[in-house]
């Protein structure tokens, strides 16, 4: 099994991502892109994407970017992650791009940028930075 297959299979088991209508757009070593529609059930009272949707996509993309550089017999979990919300999530979809900043055996420092897609317009709405830790698979 290669990294792409492993991440696709893992993503398919995430019921939260399924609930949000999210899809895995691309997987490269150290970089993963996930997107999801801004559904009526994932909006806040002002009609824009809820920060929970933004956070869930950013955290998941960052986590899978970390997993993409780990040995095939390992997994990762979020140890901590911070979000800076920069703008309202207006549009049809959110797209989260997770990247590995610094890989390591005990800690992996990651980031994610989340953009709102509204027609041809893209707006950076959040930046996340965090730490992933390797865990035993299974």
Protein backbone atom coordinates (compact mmCIF):
# COMPACT_ATOMS: atom_id res chain seq x y z
CA UNK A 1 0.00 0.00 0.00
CA UNK A 2 1.26 3.48 -0.73
CA UNK A 3 0.62 6.75 1.10
CA UNK A 4 -2.17 7.88 -1.25
CA UNK A 5 -4.12 4.64 -0.73
CA UNK A 6 -3.60 4.71 3.03
CA UNK A 7 -4.81 8.29 3.33
CA UNK A 8 -7.81 7.68 1.05
CA UNK A 9 -8.83 4.63 3.11
CA UNK A 10 -8.39 6.49 6.39
CA UNK A 11 -10.34 9.50 5.10
CA UNK A 12 -13.19 7.19 4.00
CA UNK A 13 -13.51 6.01 7.64
CA UNK A 14 -13.98 9.55 8.99
CA UNK A 15 -17.70 9.84 9.63
CA UNK A 16 -17.31 13.54 10.50
CA UNK A 17 -15.90 14.31 7.06
CA UNK A 18 -18.73 12.28 5.48
CA UNK A 19 -21.30 14.24 7.51
CA UNK A 20 -19.78 17.50 6.26
CA UNK A 21 -19.77 16.31 2.64
CA UNK A 22 -15.98 16.70 2.52
CA UNK A 23 -13.78 15.21 -0.16
CA UNK A 24 -10.08 14.51 -0.41
CA UNK A 25 -8.88 16.64 -3.32
CA UNK A 26 -5.16 15.86 -3.42
CA UNK A 27 -2.41 14.04 -1.56
CA UNK A 28 1.30 14.76 -1.98
CA UNK A 29 4.14 14.13 0.46
CA UNK A 30 3.75 16.79 3.13
CA UNK A 31 0.67 18.42 1.53
CA UNK A 32 -3.01 17.42 1.57
CA UNK A 33 -6.05 19.33 0.27
CA UNK A 34 -9.60 18.72 1.51
CA UNK A 35 -12.74 20.62 0.56
CA UNK A 36 -16.39 20.66 1.60
CA UNK A 37 -19.55 22.47 0.59
CA UNK A 38 -20.93 25.11 2.92
CA UNK A 39 -24.19 23.26 3.56
CA UNK A 40 -27.21 24.82 5.31
CA UNK A 41 -26.40 22.70 8.39
CA UNK A 42 -22.83 24.00 8.63
CA UNK A 43 -23.60 27.72 8.64
CA UNK A 44 -23.72 30.05 11.60
CA UNK A 45 -26.39 32.67 12.34
CA UNK A 46 -25.01 35.16 9.77
CA UNK A 47 -25.32 32.64 6.94
CA UNK A 48 -21.58 32.02 6.49
CA UNK A 49 -19.55 28.89 7.21
CA UNK A 50 -19.40 28.04 10.90
CA UNK A 51 -15.93 28.19 12.47
CA UNK A 52 -16.44 24.52 13.44
CA UNK A 53 -16.47 23.57 9.75
CA UNK A 54 -13.39 25.70 9.12
CA UNK A 55 -11.56 24.12 12.05
CA UNK A 56 -12.56 20.55 11.21
CA UNK A 57 -11.33 20.86 7.62
CA UNK A 58 -8.09 22.62 8.60
CA UNK A 59 -7.27 20.15 11.38
CA UNK A 60 -7.99 17.16 9.15
CA UNK A 61 -5.92 18.49 6.23
CA UNK A 62 -3.02 19.29 8.57
CA UNK A 63 -3.24 15.84 10.16
CA UNK A 64 -3.22 14.02 6.85
CA UNK A 65 -0.29 16.13 5.65
CA UNK A 66 1.61 14.82 8.68
CA UNK A 67 0.50 11.25 8.01
CA UNK A 68 1.71 11.56 4.41
CA UNK A 69 5.32 11.72 5.59
CA UNK A 70 5.07 8.98 8.23
CA UNK A 71 5.93 5.28 7.84
CA UNK A 72 3.03 3.17 6.57
CA UNK A 73 2.65 1.36 9.92
CA UNK A 74 2.05 4.58 11.92
CA UNK A 75 -0.79 6.99 12.58
CA UNK A 76 -0.94 10.54 13.93
CA UNK A 77 -3.23 12.49 16.25
CA UNK A 78 -3.53 16.17 16.97
CA UNK A 79 -1.70 17.18 20.16
CA UNK A 80 -2.60 20.86 19.81
CA UNK A 81 -3.78 23.18 17.08
CA UNK A 82 -4.54 26.88 16.97
CA UNK A 83 -6.79 28.71 14.54
CA UNK A 84 -6.77 32.34 13.48
CA UNK A 85 -10.05 33.27 11.82
CA UNK A 86 -9.34 36.00 9.28
CA UNK A 87 -12.58 36.54 7.34
CA UNK A 88 -16.12 35.15 7.11
CA UNK A 89 -16.50 31.95 5.09
CA UNK A 90 -18.75 33.24 2.30
CA UNK A 91 -19.39 31.14 -0.78
CA UNK A 92 -20.14 27.61 -1.91
CA UNK A 93 -17.14 25.64 -0.57
CA UNK A 94 -14.25 25.72 1.82
CA UNK A 95 -10.86 24.33 0.81
CA UNK A 96 -8.22 23.44 3.40
CA UNK A 97 -4.59 22.92 2.41
CA UNK A 98 -2.53 21.19 5.09
CA UNK A 99 1.27 21.29 5.04
CA UNK A 100 4.08 19.86 7.11
CA UNK A 101 6.32 22.60 8.43
CA UNK A 102 8.76 20.34 10.28
CA UNK A 103 8.58 16.55 10.36
CA UNK A 104 9.98 14.64 13.31
CA UNK A 105 9.94 11.26 15.03
CA UNK A 106 8.08 12.51 18.13
CA UNK A 107 6.38 15.68 16.94
CA UNK A 108 5.35 17.03 13.55
CA UNK A 109 4.68 20.75 13.21
CA UNK A 110 1.92 21.44 10.68
CA UNK A 111 -0.13 24.27 9.25
CA UNK A 112 -3.28 24.68 7.21
CA UNK A 113 -4.80 27.49 5.22
CA UNK A 114 -8.55 27.51 4.66
CA UNK A 115 -10.02 29.40 1.72
CA UNK A 116 -13.67 30.17 0.98
CA UNK A 117 -14.54 29.63 -2.67
CA UNK A 118 -17.27 31.87 -4.08
CA UNK A 119 -17.47 31.52 -7.85
CA UNK A 120 -14.06 32.56 -9.17
CA UNK A 121 -13.19 34.36 -5.94
CA UNK A 122 -10.97 32.79 -3.26
CA UNK A 123 -10.66 34.32 0.19
CA UNK A 124 -8.22 33.19 2.86
CA UNK A 125 -10.45 32.82 5.91
CA UNK A 126 -8.27 30.96 8.42
CA UNK A 127 -4.75 29.88 9.24
CA UNK A 128 -4.07 26.97 11.59
CA UNK A 129 -0.79 25.88 13.16
CA UNK A 130 -0.35 22.82 15.30
CA UNK A 131 1.49 19.76 16.42
CA UNK A 132 0.75 16.16 15.49
CA UNK A 133 2.10 13.19 17.42
CA UNK A 134 2.75 9.69 16.08
CA UNK A 135 0.58 6.98 17.64
CA UNK A 136 0.53 3.21 17.29
CA UNK A 137 -1.70 2.13 14.42
CA UNK A 138 -4.76 0.12 15.31
